[in-house]
Amino acid sequence: MDFTPFLQAFLLIVALLLFVILDIILHKVALRAISITILLCFNIWSYTYYFKIEELQEYWSGLKYSPYDAYLPPNIDDFIFVWLASQILVFYLFLTIGISYLMKRKKLLTKQDNGQAVPR
């Protein structure tokens, strides 16, 4: 079994770069959706990785092994910390998108209330 999280980490970095560079600079809703989708894929994928770690720990729990064995299961506490941090990041990005949308909506409604021309 291959447990290298390289592709997961790559997805996380790509999603963050998409969000920061493309969304904040260009303010495009479609780019927000793409970056958030990639982040959600990262989180779902990392959740399955968590179960693989648990499976490995159950397998190794009954066996005696050398502390230098390359197939030891990774430390699950570190993984849980990273996973929770990524969940907080996704929540923060959703919150940022929601607040940005509400602020734009408020500005549009204020212009309509003041009788100013609103671009369509």
PDB file of N, CA and C in Angstrom:
ATOM      1  N   MET A   1       0.838  -1.186   0.000  1.00  0.00           N
ATOM      2  CA  MET A   1       0.000   0.000   0.000  1.00  0.00           C
ATOM      3  C   MET A   1       0.880   1.246   0.000  1.00  0.00           C
ATOM      4  N   ASP A   2       0.501   2.201  -0.799  1.00  0.00           N
ATOM      5  CA  ASP A   2       1.254   3.444  -0.866  1.00  0.00           C
ATOM      6  C   ASP A   2       0.516   4.511  -0.059  1.00  0.00           C
ATOM      7  N   PHE A   3       1.197   5.065   0.913  1.00  0.00           N
ATOM      8  CA  PHE A   3       0.568   6.050   1.787  1.00  0.00           C
ATOM      9  C   PHE A   3       1.208   7.430   1.660  1.00  0.00           C
ATOM     10  N   THR A   4       1.813   7.707   0.521  1.00  0.00           N
ATOM     11  CA  THR A   4       2.457   9.000   0.359  1.00  0.00           C
ATOM     12  C   THR A   4       1.425  10.084   0.119  1.00  0.00           C
ATOM     13  N   PRO A   5       1.379  11.086   0.967  1.00  0.00           N
ATOM     14  CA  PRO A   5       0.378  12.144   0.803  1.00  0.00           C
ATOM     15  C   PRO A   5       0.842  13.263  -0.118  1.00  0.00           C
ATOM     16  N   PHE A   6       1.793  12.967  -1.029  1.00  0.00           N
ATOM     17  CA  PHE A   6       2.332  14.027  -1.886  1.00  0.00           C
ATOM     18  C   PHE A   6       1.239  14.664  -2.740  1.00  0.00           C
ATOM     19  N   LEU A   7       0.409  13.842  -3.373  1.00  0.00           N
ATOM     20  CA  LEU A   7      -0.618  14.395  -4.255  1.00  0.00           C
ATOM     21  C   LEU A   7      -1.646  15.191  -3.460  1.00  0.00           C
ATOM     22  N   GLN A   8      -1.949  14.736  -2.253  1.00  0.00           N
ATOM     23  CA  GLN A   8      -2.877  15.487  -1.403  1.00  0.00           C
ATOM     24  C   GLN A   8      -2.301  16.856  -1.067  1.00  0.00           C
ATOM     25  N   ALA A   9      -1.036  16.883  -0.689  1.00  0.00           N
ATOM     26  CA  ALA A   9      -0.391  18.157  -0.359  1.00  0.00           C
ATOM     27  C   ALA A   9      -0.318  19.051  -1.594  1.00  0.00           C
ATOM     28  N   PHE A  10      -0.063  18.454  -2.749  1.00  0.00           N
ATOM     29  CA  PHE A  10      -0.021  19.219  -3.994  1.00  0.00           C
ATOM     30  C   PHE A  10      -1.381  19.853  -4.282  1.00  0.00           C
ATOM     31  N   LEU A  11      -2.471  19.076  -4.096  1.00  0.00           N
ATOM     32  CA  LEU A  11      -3.813  19.621  -4.295  1.00  0.00           C
ATOM     33  C   LEU A  11      -4.086  20.786  -3.354  1.00  0.00           C
ATOM     34  N   LEU A  12      -3.657  20.645  -2.109  1.00  0.00           N
ATOM     35  CA  LEU A  12      -3.876  21.716  -1.138  1.00  0.00           C
ATOM     36  C   LEU A  12      -3.135  22.981  -1.553  1.00  0.00           C
ATOM     37  N   ILE A  13      -1.894  22.846  -1.965  1.00  0.00           N
ATOM     38  CA  ILE A  13      -1.103  24.012  -2.367  1.00  0.00           C
ATOM     39  C   ILE A  13      -1.692  24.655  -3.622  1.00  0.00           C
ATOM     40  N   VAL A  14      -2.091  23.844  -4.598  1.00  0.00           N
ATOM     41  CA  VAL A  14      -2.691  24.389  -5.822  1.00  0.00           C
ATOM     42  C   VAL A  14      -3.983  25.135  -5.501  1.00  0.00           C
ATOM     43  N   ALA A  15      -4.804  24.569  -4.628  1.00  0.00           N
ATOM     44  CA  ALA A  15      -6.060  25.223  -4.276  1.00  0.00           C
ATOM     45  C   ALA A  15      -5.822  26.548  -3.567  1.00  0.00           C
ATOM     46  N   LEU A  16      -4.860  26.568  -2.672  1.00  0.00           N
ATOM     47  CA  LEU A  16      -4.561  27.823  -1.981  1.00  0.00           C
ATOM     48  C   LEU A  16      -4.025  28.876  -2.939  1.00  0.00           C
ATOM     49  N   LEU A  17      -3.152  28.462  -3.847  1.00  0.00           N
ATOM     50  CA  LEU A  17      -2.631  29.416  -4.826  1.00  0.00           C
ATOM     51  C   LEU A  17      -3.741  29.936  -5.735  1.00  0.00           C
ATOM     52  N   LEU A  18      -4.635  29.036  -6.161  1.00  0.00           N
ATOM     53  CA  LEU A  18      -5.764  29.480  -6.973  1.00  0.00           C
ATOM     54  C   LEU A  18      -6.610  30.492  -6.220  1.00  0.00           C
ATOM     55  N   PHE A  19      -6.864  30.191  -4.961  1.00  0.00           N
ATOM     56  CA  PHE A  19      -7.717  31.093  -4.193  1.00  0.00           C
ATOM     57  C   PHE A  19      -7.047  32.445  -4.002  1.00  0.00           C
ATOM     58  N   VAL A  20      -5.794  32.435  -3.598  1.00  0.00           N
ATOM     59  CA  VAL A  20      -5.102  33.694  -3.310  1.00  0.00           C
ATOM     60  C   VAL A  20      -4.849  34.501  -4.574  1.00  0.00           C
ATOM     61  N   ILE A  21      -4.234  33.885  -5.566  1.00  0.00           N
ATOM     62  CA  ILE A  21      -3.846  34.627  -6.764  1.00  0.00           C
ATOM     63  C   ILE A  21      -5.057  34.974  -7.628  1.00  0.00           C
ATOM     64  N   LEU A  22      -5.833  33.984  -7.971  1.00  0.00           N
ATOM     65  CA  LEU A  22      -6.908  34.214  -8.929  1.00  0.00           C
ATOM     66  C   LEU A  22      -8.129  34.880  -8.315  1.00  0.00           C
ATOM     67  N   ASP A  23      -8.482  34.503  -7.104  1.00  0.00           N
ATOM     68  CA  ASP A  23      -9.700  35.039  -6.515  1.00  0.00           C
ATOM     69  C   ASP A  23      -9.494  36.440  -5.968  1.00  0.00           C
ATOM     70  N   ILE A  24      -8.486  36.615  -5.159  1.00  0.00           N
ATOM     71  CA  ILE A  24      -8.296  37.917  -4.528  1.00  0.00           C
ATOM     72  C   ILE A  24      -7.899  38.973  -5.559  1.00  0.00           C
ATOM     73  N   ILE A  25      -7.082  38.606  -6.520  1.00  0.00           N
ATOM     74  CA  ILE A  25      -6.640  39.584  -7.516  1.00  0.00           C
ATOM     75  C   ILE A  25      -7.712  39.809  -8.586  1.00  0.00           C
ATOM     76  N   LEU A  26      -8.307  38.729  -9.087  1.00  0.00           N
ATOM     77  CA  LEU A  26      -9.245  38.855 -10.205  1.00  0.00           C
ATOM     78  C   LEU A  26     -10.711  38.916  -9.786  1.00  0.00           C
ATOM     79  N   HIS A  27     -11.037  38.516  -8.574  1.00  0.00           N
ATOM     80  CA  HIS A  27     -12.404  38.553  -8.042  1.00  0.00           C
ATOM     81  C   HIS A  27     -13.398  37.807  -8.939  1.00  0.00           C
ATOM     82  N   LYS A  28     -13.077  36.589  -9.302  1.00  0.00           N
ATOM     83  CA  LYS A  28     -13.961  35.801 -10.157  1.00  0.00           C
ATOM     84  C   LYS A  28     -14.663  34.725  -9.333  1.00  0.00           C
ATOM     85  N   VAL A  29     -15.971  34.631  -9.480  1.00  0.00           N
ATOM     86  CA  VAL A  29     -16.747  33.657  -8.722  1.00  0.00           C
ATOM     87  C   VAL A  29     -16.425  32.232  -9.169  1.00  0.00           C
ATOM     88  N   ALA A  30     -16.237  32.029 -10.462  1.00  0.00           N
ATOM     89  CA  ALA A  30     -15.934  30.685 -10.968  1.00  0.00           C
ATOM     90  C   ALA A  30     -14.615  30.179 -10.399  1.00  0.00           C
ATOM     91  N   LEU A  31     -13.640  31.068 -10.270  1.00  0.00           N
ATOM     92  CA  LEU A  31     -12.354  30.662  -9.715  1.00  0.00           C
ATOM     93  C   LEU A  31     -12.472  30.330  -8.235  1.00  0.00           C
ATOM     94  N   ARG A  32     -13.357  31.034  -7.539  1.00  0.00           N
ATOM     95  CA  ARG A  32     -13.627  30.687  -6.142  1.00  0.00           C
ATOM     96  C   ARG A  32     -14.165  29.267  -6.066  1.00  0.00           C
ATOM     97  N   ALA A  33     -15.109  28.964  -6.921  1.00  0.00           N
ATOM     98  CA  ALA A  33     -15.719  27.634  -6.903  1.00  0.00           C
ATOM     99  C   ALA A  33     -14.690  26.551  -7.207  1.00  0.00           C
ATOM    100  N   ILE A  34     -13.808  26.801  -8.164  1.00  0.00           N
ATOM    101  CA  ILE A  34     -12.781  25.815  -8.509  1.00  0.00           C
ATOM    102  C   ILE A  34     -11.839  25.587  -7.339  1.00  0.00           C
ATOM    103  N   SER A  35     -11.370  26.660  -6.721  1.00  0.00           N
ATOM    104  CA  SER A  35     -10.423  26.499  -5.616  1.00  0.00           C
ATOM    105  C   SER A  35     -11.079  25.829  -4.416  1.00  0.00           C
ATOM    106  N   ILE A  36     -12.316  26.172  -4.118  1.00  0.00           N
ATOM    107  CA  ILE A  36     -13.013  25.534  -2.997  1.00  0.00           C
ATOM    108  C   ILE A  36     -13.269  24.061  -3.301  1.00  0.00           C
ATOM    109  N   THR A  37     -13.594  23.728  -4.546  1.00  0.00           N
ATOM    110  CA  THR A  37     -13.801  22.331  -4.917  1.00  0.00           C
ATOM    111  C   THR A  37     -12.524  21.524  -4.736  1.00  0.00           C
ATOM    112  N   ILE A  38     -11.399  22.091  -5.140  1.00  0.00           N
ATOM    113  CA  ILE A  38     -10.128  21.388  -4.947  1.00  0.00           C
ATOM    114  C   ILE A  38      -9.843  21.200  -3.466  1.00  0.00           C
ATOM    115  N   LEU A  39     -10.122  22.218  -2.658  1.00  0.00           N
ATOM    116  CA  LEU A  39      -9.916  22.082  -1.212  1.00  0.00           C
ATOM    117  C   LEU A  39     -10.819  21.001  -0.617  1.00  0.00           C
ATOM    118  N   LEU A  40     -12.052  20.945  -1.069  1.00  0.00           N
ATOM    119  CA  LEU A  40     -12.953  19.904  -0.570  1.00  0.00           C
ATOM    120  C   LEU A  40     -12.480  18.518  -0.996  1.00  0.00           C
ATOM    121  N   CYS A  41     -11.982  18.395  -2.226  1.00  0.00           N
ATOM    122  CA  CYS A  41     -11.423  17.110  -2.669  1.00  0.00           C
ATOM    123  C   CYS A  41     -10.243  16.714  -1.796  1.00  0.00           C
ATOM    124  N   PHE A  42      -9.390  17.681  -1.476  1.00  0.00           N
ATOM    125  CA  PHE A  42      -8.262  17.408  -0.584  1.00  0.00           C
ATOM    126  C   PHE A  42      -8.755  16.885   0.755  1.00  0.00           C
ATOM    127  N   ASN A  43      -9.782  17.515   1.306  1.00  0.00           N
ATOM    128  CA  ASN A  43     -10.275  17.101   2.618  1.00  0.00           C
ATOM    129  C   ASN A  43     -10.904  15.715   2.579  1.00  0.00           C
ATOM    130  N   ILE A  44     -11.663  15.429   1.544  1.00  0.00           N
ATOM    131  CA  ILE A  44     -12.271  14.099   1.434  1.00  0.00           C
ATOM    132  C   ILE A  44     -11.195  13.039   1.250  1.00  0.00           C
ATOM    133  N   TRP A  45     -10.228  13.329   0.420  1.00  0.00           N
ATOM    134  CA  TRP A  45      -9.146  12.382   0.180  1.00  0.00           C
ATOM    135  C   TRP A  45      -8.337  12.156   1.456  1.00  0.00           C
ATOM    136  N   SER A  46      -8.060  13.211   2.185  1.00  0.00           N
ATOM    137  CA  SER A  46      -7.285  13.063   3.410  1.00  0.00           C
ATOM    138  C   SER A  46      -8.073  12.288   4.461  1.00  0.00           C
ATOM    139  N   TYR A  47      -9.402  12.362   4.399  1.00  0.00           N
ATOM    140  CA  TYR A  47     -10.225  11.590   5.335  1.00  0.00           C
ATOM    141  C   TYR A  47     -10.059  10.094   5.073  1.00  0.00           C
ATOM    142  N   THR A  48      -9.983   9.690   3.822  1.00  0.00           N
ATOM    143  CA  THR A  48      -9.744   8.274   3.519  1.00  0.00           C
ATOM    144  C   THR A  48      -8.336   7.867   3.933  1.00  0.00           C
ATOM    145  N   TYR A  49      -7.401   8.778   3.825  1.00  0.00           N
ATOM    146  CA  TYR A  49      -6.028   8.527   4.269  1.00  0.00           C
ATOM    147  C   TYR A  49      -5.996   8.243   5.768  1.00  0.00           C
ATOM    148  N   TYR A  50      -6.828   8.952   6.516  1.00  0.00           N
ATOM    149  CA  TYR A  50      -6.938   8.741   7.960  1.00  0.00           C
ATOM    150  C   TYR A  50      -7.337   7.295   8.259  1.00  0.00           C
ATOM    151  N   PHE A  51      -8.287   6.763   7.514  1.00  0.00           N
ATOM    152  CA  PHE A  51      -8.710   5.383   7.752  1.00  0.00           C
ATOM    153  C   PHE A  51      -7.621   4.385   7.378  1.00  0.00           C
ATOM    154  N   LYS A  52      -6.811   4.709   6.375  1.00  0.00           N
ATOM    155  CA  LYS A  52      -5.687   3.831   6.039  1.00  0.00           C
ATOM    156  C   LYS A  52      -4.663   3.817   7.167  1.00  0.00           C
ATOM    157  N   ILE A  53      -4.453   4.963   7.807  1.00  0.00           N
ATOM    158  CA  ILE A  53      -3.532   5.015   8.941  1.00  0.00           C
ATOM    159  C   ILE A  53      -4.066   4.147  10.077  1.00  0.00           C
ATOM    160  N   GLU A  54      -5.364   4.253  10.352  1.00  0.00           N
ATOM    161  CA  GLU A  54      -5.958   3.428  11.411  1.00  0.00           C
ATOM    162  C   GLU A  54      -5.817   1.944  11.090  1.00  0.00           C
ATOM    163  N   GLU A  55      -6.050   1.581   9.840  1.00  0.00           N
ATOM    164  CA  GLU A  55      -5.926   0.183   9.426  1.00  0.00           C
ATOM    165  C   GLU A  55      -4.496  -0.315   9.633  1.00  0.00           C
ATOM    166  N   LEU A  56      -3.528   0.503   9.273  1.00  0.00           N
ATOM    167  CA  LEU A  56      -2.127   0.131   9.480  1.00  0.00           C
ATOM    168  C   LEU A  56      -1.803  -0.022  10.961  1.00  0.00           C
ATOM    169  N   GLN A  57      -2.325   0.880  11.786  1.00  0.00           N
ATOM    170  CA  GLN A  57      -2.049   0.790  13.217  1.00  0.00           C
ATOM    171  C   GLN A  57      -2.647  -0.479  13.814  1.00  0.00           C
ATOM    172  N   GLU A  58      -3.837  -0.863  13.365  1.00  0.00           N
ATOM    173  CA  GLU A  58      -4.432  -2.114  13.836  1.00  0.00           C
ATOM    174  C   GLU A  58      -3.593  -3.310  13.398  1.00  0.00           C
ATOM    175  N   TYR A  59      -3.075  -3.259  12.184  1.00  0.00           N
ATOM    176  CA  TYR A  59      -2.255  -4.351  11.675  1.00  0.00           C
ATOM    177  C   TYR A  59      -0.980  -4.491  12.488  1.00  0.00           C
ATOM    178  N   TRP A  60      -0.330  -3.377  12.793  1.00  0.00           N
ATOM    179  CA  TRP A  60       0.946  -3.412  13.492  1.00  0.00           C
ATOM    180  C   TRP A  60       0.796  -3.563  14.999  1.00  0.00           C
ATOM    181  N   SER A  61      -0.399  -3.398  15.550  1.00  0.00           N
ATOM    182  CA  SER A  61      -0.556  -3.435  17.006  1.00  0.00           C
ATOM    183  C   SER A  61      -0.241  -4.806  17.591  1.00  0.00           C
ATOM    184  N   GLY A  62      -0.501  -5.877  16.861  1.00  0.00           N
ATOM    185  CA  GLY A  62      -0.249  -7.213  17.381  1.00  0.00           C
ATOM    186  C   GLY A  62       1.116  -7.768  17.044  1.00  0.00           C
ATOM    187  N   LEU A  63       1.890  -7.056  16.278  1.00  0.00           N
ATOM    188  CA  LEU A  63       3.187  -7.556  15.837  1.00  0.00           C
ATOM    189  C   LEU A  63       4.328  -6.838  16.550  1.00  0.00           C
ATOM    190  N   LYS A  64       5.418  -7.581  16.770  1.00  0.00           N
ATOM    191  CA  LYS A  64       6.622  -6.939  17.293  1.00  0.00           C
ATOM    192  C   LYS A  64       7.426  -6.455  16.092  1.00  0.00           C
ATOM    193  N   TYR A  65       7.918  -5.251  16.201  1.00  0.00           N
ATOM    194  CA  TYR A  65       8.659  -4.702  15.075  1.00  0.00           C
ATOM    195  C   TYR A  65       9.811  -3.844  15.576  1.00  0.00           C
ATOM    196  N   SER A  66      10.738  -3.648  14.696  1.00  0.00           N
ATOM    197  CA  SER A  66      11.896  -2.815  14.994  1.00  0.00           C
ATOM    198  C   SER A  66      11.492  -1.344  14.917  1.00  0.00           C
ATOM    199  N   PRO A  67      12.014  -0.491  15.790  1.00  0.00           N
ATOM    200  CA  PRO A  67      11.665   0.935  15.708  1.00  0.00           C
ATOM    201  C   PRO A  67      12.189   1.600  14.439  1.00  0.00           C
ATOM    202  N   TYR A  68      13.044   0.895  13.698  1.00  0.00           N
ATOM    203  CA  TYR A  68      13.583   1.466  12.463  1.00  0.00           C
ATOM    204  C   TYR A  68      12.867   0.930  11.223  1.00  0.00           C
ATOM    205  N   ASP A  69      11.760   0.241  11.421  1.00  0.00           N
ATOM    206  CA  ASP A  69      11.031  -0.345  10.302  1.00  0.00           C
ATOM    207  C   ASP A  69      10.398   0.755   9.450  1.00  0.00           C
ATOM    208  N   ALA A  70      10.550   0.647   8.153  1.00  0.00           N
ATOM    209  CA  ALA A  70      10.036   1.674   7.237  1.00  0.00           C
ATOM    210  C   ALA A  70       8.526   1.610   7.082  1.00  0.00           C
ATOM    211  N   TYR A  71       7.907   0.505   7.492  1.00  0.00           N
ATOM    212  CA  TYR A  71       6.468   0.357   7.281  1.00  0.00           C
ATOM    213  C   TYR A  71       5.646   0.685   8.516  1.00  0.00           C
ATOM    214  N   LEU A  72       6.236   1.321   9.493  1.00  0.00           N
ATOM    215  CA  LEU A  72       5.478   1.711  10.677  1.00  0.00           C
ATOM    216  C   LEU A  72       4.402   2.717  10.281  1.00  0.00           C
ATOM    217  N   PRO A  73       3.248   2.631  10.907  1.00  0.00           N
ATOM    218  CA  PRO A  73       2.203   3.600  10.570  1.00  0.00           C
ATOM    219  C   PRO A  73       2.604   5.001  11.019  1.00  0.00           C
ATOM    220  N   PRO A  74       2.208   6.015  10.274  1.00  0.00           N
ATOM    221  CA  PRO A  74       2.539   7.382  10.670  1.00  0.00           C
ATOM    222  C   PRO A  74       1.812   7.776  11.953  1.00  0.00           C
ATOM    223  N   ASN A  75       2.300   8.804  12.595  1.00  0.00           N
ATOM    224  CA  ASN A  75       1.679   9.284  13.821  1.00  0.00           C
ATOM    225  C   ASN A  75       0.323   9.898  13.485  1.00  0.00           C
ATOM    226  N   ILE A  76      -0.728   9.337  14.043  1.00  0.00           N
ATOM    227  CA  ILE A  76      -2.079   9.767  13.690  1.00  0.00           C
ATOM    228  C   ILE A  76      -2.418  11.120  14.307  1.00  0.00           C
ATOM    229  N   ASP A  77      -1.784  11.471  15.429  1.00  0.00           N
ATOM    230  CA  ASP A  77      -2.072  12.761  16.060  1.00  0.00           C
ATOM    231  C   ASP A  77      -1.632  13.925  15.178  1.00  0.00           C
ATOM    232  N   ASP A  78      -0.470  13.792  14.550  1.00  0.00           N
ATOM    233  CA  ASP A  78      -0.009  14.844  13.634  1.00  0.00           C
ATOM    234  C   ASP A  78      -0.952  14.973  12.447  1.00  0.00           C
ATOM    235  N   PHE A  79      -1.412  13.832  11.942  1.00  0.00           N
ATOM    236  CA  PHE A  79      -2.322  13.860  10.804  1.00  0.00           C
ATOM    237  C   PHE A  79      -3.639  14.534  11.175  1.00  0.00           C
ATOM    238  N   ILE A  80      -4.174  14.215  12.362  1.00  0.00           N
ATOM    239  CA  ILE A  80      -5.433  14.818  12.797  1.00  0.00           C
ATOM    240  C   ILE A  80      -5.278  16.333  12.917  1.00  0.00           C
ATOM    241  N   PHE A  81      -4.136  16.785  13.429  1.00  0.00           N
ATOM    242  CA  PHE A  81      -3.894  18.227  13.540  1.00  0.00           C
ATOM    243  C   PHE A  81      -3.898  18.886  12.162  1.00  0.00           C
ATOM    244  N   VAL A  82      -3.208  18.291  11.209  1.00  0.00           N
ATOM    245  CA  VAL A  82      -3.160  18.860   9.855  1.00  0.00           C
ATOM    246  C   VAL A  82      -4.541  18.835   9.217  1.00  0.00           C
ATOM    247  N   TRP A  83      -5.277  17.751   9.414  1.00  0.00           N
ATOM    248  CA  TRP A  83      -6.609  17.644   8.832  1.00  0.00           C
ATOM    249  C   TRP A  83      -7.546  18.692   9.423  1.00  0.00           C
ATOM    250  N   LEU A  84      -7.504  18.884  10.738  1.00  0.00           N
ATOM    251  CA  LEU A  84      -8.352  19.902  11.361  1.00  0.00           C
ATOM    252  C   LEU A  84      -7.964  21.304  10.895  1.00  0.00           C
ATOM    253  N   ALA A  85      -6.673  21.533  10.719  1.00  0.00           N
ATOM    254  CA  ALA A  85      -6.232  22.838  10.217  1.00  0.00           C
ATOM    255  C   ALA A  85      -6.775  23.083   8.815  1.00  0.00           C
ATOM    256  N   SER A  86      -6.792  22.057   7.980  1.00  0.00           N
ATOM    257  CA  SER A  86      -7.332  22.236   6.629  1.00  0.00           C
ATOM    258  C   SER A  86      -8.847  22.446   6.669  1.00  0.00           C
ATOM    259  N   GLN A  87      -9.540  21.811   7.612  1.00  0.00           N
ATOM    260  CA  GLN A  87     -10.981  22.038   7.760  1.00  0.00           C
ATOM    261  C   GLN A  87     -11.257  23.483   8.160  1.00  0.00           C
ATOM    262  N   ILE A  88     -10.454  24.001   9.081  1.00  0.00           N
ATOM    263  CA  ILE A  88     -10.609  25.392   9.501  1.00  0.00           C
ATOM    264  C   ILE A  88     -10.347  26.326   8.326  1.00  0.00           C
ATOM    265  N   LEU A  89      -9.360  25.986   7.506  1.00  0.00           N
ATOM    266  CA  LEU A  89      -9.048  26.793   6.327  1.00  0.00           C
ATOM    267  C   LEU A  89     -10.220  26.819   5.350  1.00  0.00           C
ATOM    268  N   VAL A  90     -10.824  25.668   5.095  1.00  0.00           N
ATOM    269  CA  VAL A  90     -11.978  25.616   4.188  1.00  0.00           C
ATOM    270  C   VAL A  90     -13.136  26.434   4.756  1.00  0.00           C
ATOM    271  N   PHE A  91     -13.380  26.315   6.059  1.00  0.00           N
ATOM    272  CA  PHE A  91     -14.446  27.097   6.691  1.00  0.00           C
ATOM    273  C   PHE A  91     -14.168  28.590   6.552  1.00  0.00           C
ATOM    274  N   TYR A  92     -12.918  28.980   6.766  1.00  0.00           N
ATOM    275  CA  TYR A  92     -12.541  30.391   6.638  1.00  0.00           C
ATOM    276  C   TYR A  92     -12.765  30.891   5.210  1.00  0.00           C
ATOM    277  N   LEU A  93     -12.404  30.087   4.221  1.00  0.00           N
ATOM    278  CA  LEU A  93     -12.594  30.505   2.831  1.00  0.00           C
ATOM    279  C   LEU A  93     -14.075  30.624   2.487  1.00  0.00           C
ATOM    280  N   PHE A  94     -14.899  29.676   2.973  1.00  0.00           N
ATOM    281  CA  PHE A  94     -16.337  29.793   2.756  1.00  0.00           C
ATOM    282  C   PHE A  94     -16.877  31.057   3.418  1.00  0.00           C
ATOM    283  N   LEU A  95     -16.409  31.352   4.616  1.00  0.00           N
ATOM    284  CA  LEU A  95     -16.831  32.550   5.325  1.00  0.00           C
ATOM    285  C   LEU A  95     -16.415  33.803   4.562  1.00  0.00           C
ATOM    286  N   THR A  96     -15.201  33.811   4.032  1.00  0.00           N
ATOM    287  CA  THR A  96     -14.718  34.947   3.243  1.00  0.00           C
ATOM    288  C   THR A  96     -15.584  35.159   2.009  1.00  0.00           C
ATOM    289  N   ILE A  97     -15.915  34.077   1.330  1.00  0.00           N
ATOM    290  CA  ILE A  97     -16.763  34.181   0.141  1.00  0.00           C
ATOM    291  C   ILE A  97     -18.143  34.716   0.513  1.00  0.00           C
ATOM    292  N   GLY A  98     -18.705  34.206   1.600  1.00  0.00           N
ATOM    293  CA  GLY A  98     -20.028  34.660   2.033  1.00  0.00           C
ATOM    294  C   GLY A  98     -20.050  36.124   2.409  1.00  0.00           C
ATOM    295  N   ILE A  99     -19.063  36.569   3.158  1.00  0.00           N
ATOM    296  CA  ILE A  99     -19.004  37.972   3.566  1.00  0.00           C
ATOM    297  C   ILE A  99     -18.789  38.869   2.356  1.00  0.00           C
ATOM    298  N   SER A 100     -17.926  38.453   1.438  1.00  0.00           N
ATOM    299  CA  SER A 100     -17.686  39.233   0.222  1.00  0.00           C
ATOM    300  C   SER A 100     -18.969  39.374  -0.589  1.00  0.00           C
ATOM    301  N   TYR A 101     -19.715  38.282  -0.723  1.00  0.00           N
ATOM    302  CA  TYR A 101     -20.965  38.320  -1.477  1.00  0.00           C
ATOM    303  C   TYR A 101     -21.974  39.247  -0.807  1.00  0.00           C
ATOM    304  N   LEU A 102     -22.089  39.147   0.517  1.00  0.00           N
ATOM    305  CA  LEU A 102     -23.054  39.985   1.228  1.00  0.00           C
ATOM    306  C   LEU A 102     -22.690  41.468   1.143  1.00  0.00           C
ATOM    307  N   MET A 103     -21.400  41.777   1.180  1.00  0.00           N
ATOM    308  CA  MET A 103     -20.988  43.180   1.063  1.00  0.00           C
ATOM    309  C   MET A 103     -21.299  43.729  -0.326  1.00  0.00           C
ATOM    310  N   LYS A 104     -21.062  42.933  -1.372  1.00  0.00           N
ATOM    311  CA  LYS A 104     -21.390  43.376  -2.734  1.00  0.00           C
ATOM    312  C   LYS A 104     -22.899  43.535  -2.894  1.00  0.00           C
ATOM    313  N   ARG A 105     -23.646  42.619  -2.294  1.00  0.00           N
ATOM    314  CA  ARG A 105     -25.109  42.673  -2.379  1.00  0.00           C
ATOM    315  C   ARG A 105     -25.639  43.918  -1.662  1.00  0.00           C
ATOM    316  N   LYS A 106     -25.048  44.232  -0.511  1.00  0.00           N
ATOM    317  CA  LYS A 106     -25.475  45.413   0.237  1.00  0.00           C
ATOM    318  C   LYS A 106     -25.202  46.680  -0.565  1.00  0.00           C
ATOM    319  N   LYS A 107     -24.037  46.748  -1.206  1.00  0.00           N
ATOM    320  CA  LYS A 107     -23.692  47.916  -2.021  1.00  0.00           C
ATOM    321  C   LYS A 107     -24.682  48.063  -3.174  1.00  0.00           C
ATOM    322  N   LEU A 108     -25.042  46.949  -3.809  1.00  0.00           N
ATOM    323  CA  LEU A 108     -25.991  46.978  -4.917  1.00  0.00           C
ATOM    324  C   LEU A 108     -27.364  47.437  -4.442  1.00  0.00           C
ATOM    325  N   LEU A 109     -27.827  46.917  -3.305  1.00  0.00           N
ATOM    326  CA  LEU A 109     -29.135  47.310  -2.782  1.00  0.00           C
ATOM    327  C   LEU A 109     -29.147  48.772  -2.353  1.00  0.00           C
ATOM    328  N   THR A 110     -28.041  49.252  -1.812  1.00  0.00           N
ATOM    329  CA  THR A 110     -27.956  50.662  -1.424  1.00  0.00           C
ATOM    330  C   THR A 110     -28.056  51.556  -2.652  1.00  0.00           C
ATOM    331  N   LYS A 111     -27.385  51.170  -3.738  1.00  0.00           N
ATOM    332  CA  LYS A 111     -27.472  51.952  -4.978  1.00  0.00           C
ATOM    333  C   LYS A 111     -28.897  51.958  -5.515  1.00  0.00           C
ATOM    334  N   GLN A 112     -29.580  50.829  -5.428  1.00  0.00           N
ATOM    335  CA  GLN A 112     -30.960  50.765  -5.904  1.00  0.00           C
ATOM    336  C   GLN A 112     -31.868  51.629  -5.039  1.00  0.00           C
ATOM    337  N   ASP A 113     -31.647  51.628  -3.733  1.00  0.00           N
ATOM    338  CA  ASP A 113     -32.468  52.438  -2.833  1.00  0.00           C
ATOM    339  C   ASP A 113     -32.251  53.927  -3.057  1.00  0.00           C
ATOM    340  N   ASN A 114     -31.056  54.311  -3.437  1.00  0.00           N
ATOM    341  CA  ASN A 114     -30.749  55.723  -3.677  1.00  0.00           C
ATOM    342  C   ASN A 114     -31.139  56.168  -5.082  1.00  0.00           C
ATOM    343  N   GLY A 115     -31.650  55.271  -5.895  1.00  0.00           N
ATOM    344  CA  GLY A 115     -32.104  55.614  -7.236  1.00  0.00           C
ATOM    345  C   GLY A 115     -30.987  55.755  -8.246  1.00  0.00           C
ATOM    346  N   GLN A 116     -29.811  55.259  -7.925  1.00  0.00           N
ATOM    347  CA  GLN A 116     -28.702  55.330  -8.868  1.00  0.00           C
ATOM    348  C   GLN A 116     -28.828  54.208  -9.887  1.00  0.00           C
ATOM    349  N   ALA A 117     -28.237  54.426 -11.036  1.00  0.00           N
ATOM    350  CA  ALA A 117     -28.259  53.404 -12.087  1.00  0.00           C
ATOM    351  C   ALA A 117     -27.394  52.227 -11.653  1.00  0.00           C
ATOM    352  N   VAL A 118     -27.942  51.047 -11.809  1.00  0.00           N
ATOM    353  CA  VAL A 118     -27.228  49.833 -11.421  1.00  0.00           C
ATOM    354  C   VAL A 118     -26.833  49.085 -12.684  1.00  0.00           C
ATOM    355  N   PRO A 119     -25.530  48.829 -12.886  1.00  0.00           N
ATOM    356  CA  PRO A 119     -25.120  48.071 -14.081  1.00  0.00           C
ATOM    357  C   PRO A 119     -25.606  46.635 -14.006  1.00  0.00           C
ATOM    358  N   ARG A 120     -26.052  46.113 -15.141  1.00  0.00           N
ATOM    359  CA  ARG A 120     -26.566  44.729 -15.145  1.00  0.00           C
ATOM    360  C   ARG A 120     -25.632  43.812 -15.829  1.00  0.00           C
TER     361      ARG A 120
END
